[in-house]
Structure formats: structure tokens, C-alpha cells
Amino acid sequence: MLEIIGIAAAGTAAVGGHLKSKSFVERRLRYSSFVENPFIGVFAGVAAAVLAAPVVAIVPFVGAGTALAFGRGVGTGVAMGANRARSRLPDEY
């Protein structure tokens, strides 16, 4: 039973991290220079996984996989949000 709770927590963390980070990057970081970096998703995903590691170490029914799933979700969300932000910017003259 606890395994199912852990898997559900990892899936929820991954999907939630993806959706929130994509929305944030698309809305708030649209005009910043961060969206021009092609590796911004990798940097954000690694940072999210590292920051989530101490939190999942405290919670008994989730493990390192949850932190990795959250990092992957945030990384893909940031990459997709940056891609959408780049495609919506007007071309410079």
C-alpha cells in the first residue's frame, strides 16, 4: 500500500512541477535573457532535484525517485516554457 502512495506522490510531483514551471517560464520569464539559454531546462531540473532531495529524505513513504521525477518534470516544463516564450517573441529588427 505504501508503494502505491509513493508512486502516486512521484507522479503528482512530476506533473505538478512540469505544469507550474512551464506556466511560470512562459508568463514571467518571457522577456528575460534566461529563455535564450538552450540548457536552462537541464539547469532547472538538476537544481529542483537537488533542492527536493532533503525534503523527500524526511517523508517516510517517498524516496529518491520522487526527487528525480520532480526534477525531470521541472526540467521539461522549463524547457517547454522557454521554447514557447521564444516562439512568441516578436522578431528583432
N, C-alpha and C. Protein backbone atom coordinates (compact mmCIF):
# COMPACT_ATOMS: atom_id res chain seq x y z
N MET A 1 0.81 -1.20 0.00
CA MET A 1 0.00 0.00 0.00
C MET A 1 0.86 1.27 0.00
N LEU A 2 1.93 1.24 0.78
CA LEU A 2 2.80 2.42 0.82
C LEU A 2 3.54 2.65 -0.50
N GLU A 3 3.78 1.56 -1.24
CA GLU A 3 4.43 1.71 -2.54
C GLU A 3 3.54 2.49 -3.51
N ILE A 4 2.24 2.21 -3.44
CA ILE A 4 1.29 2.91 -4.32
C ILE A 4 1.24 4.40 -3.96
N ILE A 5 1.28 4.69 -2.68
CA ILE A 5 1.29 6.10 -2.26
C ILE A 5 2.56 6.79 -2.74
N GLY A 6 3.69 6.11 -2.66
CA GLY A 6 4.95 6.67 -3.14
C GLY A 6 4.95 6.92 -4.64
N ILE A 7 4.40 5.99 -5.40
CA ILE A 7 4.32 6.15 -6.85
C ILE A 7 3.38 7.29 -7.21
N ALA A 8 2.26 7.37 -6.49
CA ALA A 8 1.32 8.47 -6.75
C ALA A 8 1.93 9.82 -6.39
N ALA A 9 2.71 9.87 -5.32
CA ALA A 9 3.38 11.12 -4.93
C ALA A 9 4.42 11.52 -5.97
N ALA A 10 5.16 10.54 -6.49
CA ALA A 10 6.17 10.85 -7.52
C ALA A 10 5.51 11.35 -8.80
N GLY A 11 4.44 10.71 -9.20
CA GLY A 11 3.73 11.15 -10.41
C GLY A 11 3.12 12.53 -10.25
N THR A 12 2.54 12.78 -9.10
CA THR A 12 1.94 14.09 -8.83
C THR A 12 3.01 15.17 -8.79
N ALA A 13 4.15 14.86 -8.18
CA ALA A 13 5.24 15.84 -8.12
C ALA A 13 5.77 16.15 -9.51
N ALA A 14 5.90 15.12 -10.34
CA ALA A 14 6.43 15.33 -11.69
C ALA A 14 5.47 16.16 -12.54
N VAL A 15 4.20 15.80 -12.53
CA VAL A 15 3.22 16.52 -13.34
C VAL A 15 3.01 17.94 -12.82
N GLY A 16 2.92 18.08 -11.51
CA GLY A 16 2.74 19.41 -10.92
C GLY A 16 3.94 20.31 -11.18
N GLY A 17 5.14 19.76 -11.03
CA GLY A 17 6.35 20.55 -11.31
C GLY A 17 6.43 20.96 -12.77
N HIS A 18 6.04 20.07 -13.64
CA HIS A 18 6.07 20.38 -15.08
C HIS A 18 5.10 21.51 -15.42
N LEU A 19 3.87 21.37 -14.98
CA LEU A 19 2.84 22.36 -15.34
C LEU A 19 3.14 23.72 -14.73
N LYS A 20 3.53 23.76 -13.47
CA LYS A 20 3.79 25.04 -12.82
C LYS A 20 5.01 25.73 -13.40
N SER A 21 6.08 24.98 -13.66
CA SER A 21 7.29 25.61 -14.19
C SER A 21 7.09 26.08 -15.62
N LYS A 22 6.34 25.31 -16.42
CA LYS A 22 6.08 25.74 -17.79
C LYS A 22 5.28 27.03 -17.81
N SER A 23 4.27 27.11 -16.97
CA SER A 23 3.45 28.30 -16.89
C SER A 23 4.26 29.50 -16.40
N PHE A 24 5.10 29.29 -15.38
CA PHE A 24 5.90 30.38 -14.83
C PHE A 24 6.88 30.93 -15.86
N VAL A 25 7.58 30.04 -16.54
CA VAL A 25 8.57 30.49 -17.52
C VAL A 25 7.89 31.19 -18.69
N GLU A 26 6.79 30.65 -19.12
CA GLU A 26 6.08 31.23 -20.27
C GLU A 26 5.53 32.62 -19.95
N ARG A 27 5.00 32.79 -18.73
CA ARG A 27 4.39 34.08 -18.37
C ARG A 27 5.41 35.09 -17.85
N ARG A 28 6.25 34.68 -16.92
CA ARG A 28 7.08 35.63 -16.18
C ARG A 28 8.46 35.85 -16.78
N LEU A 29 9.05 34.83 -17.35
CA LEU A 29 10.42 34.96 -17.86
C LEU A 29 10.46 35.17 -19.37
N ARG A 30 9.35 35.57 -19.93
CA ARG A 30 9.24 35.72 -21.38
C ARG A 30 10.25 36.71 -21.94
N TYR A 31 10.44 37.83 -21.27
CA TYR A 31 11.30 38.88 -21.79
C TYR A 31 12.69 38.90 -21.16
N SER A 32 13.03 37.87 -20.42
CA SER A 32 14.36 37.82 -19.81
C SER A 32 15.32 37.07 -20.74
N SER A 33 16.59 37.18 -20.44
CA SER A 33 17.59 36.52 -21.27
C SER A 33 17.74 35.04 -20.92
N PHE A 34 17.07 34.59 -19.85
CA PHE A 34 17.17 33.18 -19.46
C PHE A 34 16.57 32.26 -20.51
N VAL A 35 15.56 32.70 -21.22
CA VAL A 35 14.90 31.82 -22.19
C VAL A 35 15.77 31.59 -23.43
N GLU A 36 16.81 32.36 -23.60
CA GLU A 36 17.69 32.19 -24.75
C GLU A 36 18.69 31.05 -24.54
N ASN A 37 18.93 30.66 -23.29
CA ASN A 37 19.88 29.60 -23.00
C ASN A 37 19.26 28.24 -23.34
N PRO A 38 19.88 27.45 -24.22
CA PRO A 38 19.27 26.17 -24.59
C PRO A 38 19.33 25.12 -23.48
N PHE A 39 20.18 25.31 -22.48
CA PHE A 39 20.32 24.32 -21.40
C PHE A 39 19.61 24.74 -20.12
N ILE A 40 18.71 25.71 -20.19
CA ILE A 40 18.04 26.20 -19.00
C ILE A 40 17.17 25.11 -18.37
N GLY A 41 16.60 24.23 -19.16
CA GLY A 41 15.80 23.13 -18.61
C GLY A 41 16.63 22.14 -17.82
N VAL A 42 17.83 21.86 -18.30
CA VAL A 42 18.73 20.94 -17.58
C VAL A 42 19.15 21.56 -16.25
N PHE A 43 19.52 22.82 -16.27
CA PHE A 43 19.94 23.51 -15.05
C PHE A 43 18.80 23.54 -14.03
N ALA A 44 17.60 23.86 -14.48
CA ALA A 44 16.45 23.95 -13.57
C ALA A 44 16.08 22.57 -13.03
N GLY A 45 16.15 21.56 -13.86
CA GLY A 45 15.81 20.21 -13.42
C GLY A 45 16.78 19.68 -12.37
N VAL A 46 18.06 19.90 -12.59
CA VAL A 46 19.06 19.46 -11.62
C VAL A 46 18.90 20.22 -10.30
N ALA A 47 18.68 21.53 -10.40
CA ALA A 47 18.50 22.33 -9.19
C ALA A 47 17.26 21.90 -8.42
N ALA A 48 16.18 21.60 -9.13
CA ALA A 48 14.94 21.17 -8.46
C ALA A 48 15.13 19.82 -7.77
N ALA A 49 15.83 18.91 -8.43
CA ALA A 49 16.06 17.59 -7.82
C ALA A 49 16.95 17.71 -6.59
N VAL A 50 17.97 18.55 -6.65
CA VAL A 50 18.86 18.74 -5.50
C VAL A 50 18.12 19.39 -4.34
N LEU A 51 17.27 20.37 -4.65
CA LEU A 51 16.52 21.03 -3.59
C LEU A 51 15.41 20.13 -3.02
N ALA A 52 14.89 19.22 -3.80
CA ALA A 52 13.84 18.33 -3.32
C ALA A 52 14.40 17.14 -2.55
N ALA A 53 15.68 16.84 -2.70
CA ALA A 53 16.27 15.67 -2.04
C ALA A 53 16.16 15.71 -0.52
N PRO A 54 16.46 16.82 0.15
CA PRO A 54 16.29 16.81 1.61
C PRO A 54 14.83 16.68 2.05
N VAL A 55 13.92 17.18 1.26
CA VAL A 55 12.51 17.09 1.62
C VAL A 55 12.03 15.65 1.54
N VAL A 56 12.40 14.94 0.47
CA VAL A 56 11.94 13.56 0.34
C VAL A 56 12.69 12.63 1.29
N ALA A 57 13.82 13.06 1.80
CA ALA A 57 14.52 12.25 2.80
C ALA A 57 13.77 12.23 4.12
N ILE A 58 13.00 13.27 4.39
CA ILE A 58 12.26 13.36 5.64
C ILE A 58 10.95 12.57 5.58
N VAL A 59 10.29 12.60 4.44
CA VAL A 59 8.99 11.94 4.29
C VAL A 59 9.22 10.44 4.17
N PRO A 60 8.54 9.62 4.96
CA PRO A 60 8.87 8.19 5.01
C PRO A 60 8.45 7.36 3.80
N PHE A 61 7.40 7.70 3.09
CA PHE A 61 6.91 6.81 2.04
C PHE A 61 7.34 7.21 0.63
N VAL A 62 8.17 8.22 0.50
CA VAL A 62 8.73 8.57 -0.80
C VAL A 62 10.25 8.44 -0.72
N GLY A 63 10.87 8.33 -1.87
CA GLY A 63 12.32 8.15 -1.88
C GLY A 63 12.99 9.07 -2.88
N ALA A 64 14.17 8.68 -3.25
CA ALA A 64 14.96 9.49 -4.17
C ALA A 64 14.32 9.56 -5.56
N GLY A 65 13.56 8.55 -5.91
CA GLY A 65 12.88 8.57 -7.20
C GLY A 65 11.88 9.70 -7.32
N THR A 66 11.28 10.08 -6.21
CA THR A 66 10.34 11.19 -6.22
C THR A 66 11.07 12.50 -6.51
N ALA A 67 12.23 12.69 -5.91
CA ALA A 67 13.02 13.89 -6.17
C ALA A 67 13.48 13.92 -7.62
N LEU A 68 13.87 12.76 -8.15
CA LEU A 68 14.30 12.71 -9.55
C LEU A 68 13.13 12.96 -10.50
N ALA A 69 11.96 12.41 -10.18
CA ALA A 69 10.78 12.66 -11.01
C ALA A 69 10.39 14.13 -10.98
N PHE A 70 10.45 14.74 -9.80
CA PHE A 70 10.16 16.17 -9.69
C PHE A 70 11.16 16.99 -10.50
N GLY A 71 12.44 16.66 -10.40
CA GLY A 71 13.47 17.37 -11.18
C GLY A 71 13.26 17.23 -12.68
N ARG A 72 12.90 16.04 -13.09
CA ARG A 72 12.65 15.83 -14.52
C ARG A 72 11.42 16.61 -14.98
N GLY A 73 10.38 16.62 -14.17
CA GLY A 73 9.18 17.38 -14.52
C GLY A 73 9.46 18.87 -14.61
N VAL A 74 10.19 19.40 -13.65
CA VAL A 74 10.53 20.82 -13.69
C VAL A 74 11.43 21.12 -14.89
N GLY A 75 12.39 20.26 -15.15
CA GLY A 75 13.29 20.49 -16.28
C GLY A 75 12.57 20.51 -17.62
N THR A 76 11.66 19.56 -17.82
CA THR A 76 10.92 19.54 -19.08
C THR A 76 9.95 20.72 -19.17
N GLY A 77 9.37 21.09 -18.03
CA GLY A 77 8.46 22.24 -18.02
C GLY A 77 9.17 23.54 -18.35
N VAL A 78 10.36 23.73 -17.78
CA VAL A 78 11.13 24.94 -18.07
C VAL A 78 11.56 24.96 -19.53
N ALA A 79 12.00 23.82 -20.04
CA ALA A 79 12.42 23.77 -21.44
C ALA A 79 11.26 24.06 -22.38
N MET A 80 10.09 23.50 -22.11
CA MET A 80 8.94 23.76 -22.97
C MET A 80 8.44 25.19 -22.83
N GLY A 81 8.45 25.72 -21.61
CA GLY A 81 8.04 27.11 -21.41
C GLY A 81 8.97 28.08 -22.10
N ALA A 82 10.28 27.80 -22.05
CA ALA A 82 11.25 28.66 -22.73
C ALA A 82 11.08 28.58 -24.24
N ASN A 83 10.79 27.40 -24.74
CA ASN A 83 10.57 27.24 -26.18
C ASN A 83 9.33 28.01 -26.63
N ARG A 84 8.26 27.93 -25.84
CA ARG A 84 7.05 28.68 -26.19
C ARG A 84 7.28 30.18 -26.08
N ALA A 85 8.03 30.61 -25.07
CA ALA A 85 8.31 32.04 -24.91
C ALA A 85 9.15 32.55 -26.08
N ARG A 86 10.14 31.75 -26.52
CA ARG A 86 10.96 32.17 -27.66
C ARG A 86 10.13 32.26 -28.93
N SER A 87 9.20 31.34 -29.12
CA SER A 87 8.41 31.34 -30.35
C SER A 87 7.39 32.47 -30.38
N ARG A 88 6.99 33.00 -29.23
CA ARG A 88 6.00 34.07 -29.19
C ARG A 88 6.62 35.46 -29.20
N LEU A 89 7.92 35.56 -29.03
CA LEU A 89 8.55 36.88 -29.05
C LEU A 89 8.59 37.41 -30.46
N PRO A 90 8.38 38.71 -30.64
CA PRO A 90 8.49 39.27 -31.99
C PRO A 90 9.95 39.27 -32.45
N ASP A 91 10.14 39.14 -33.74
CA ASP A 91 11.49 39.18 -34.29
C ASP A 91 12.07 40.57 -34.13
N GLU A 92 13.37 40.61 -33.80
CA GLU A 92 14.03 41.91 -33.66
C GLU A 92 14.44 42.41 -35.03
N TYR A 93 14.45 43.69 -35.16
CA TYR A 93 14.77 44.30 -36.45
C TYR A 93 16.22 44.52 -36.60
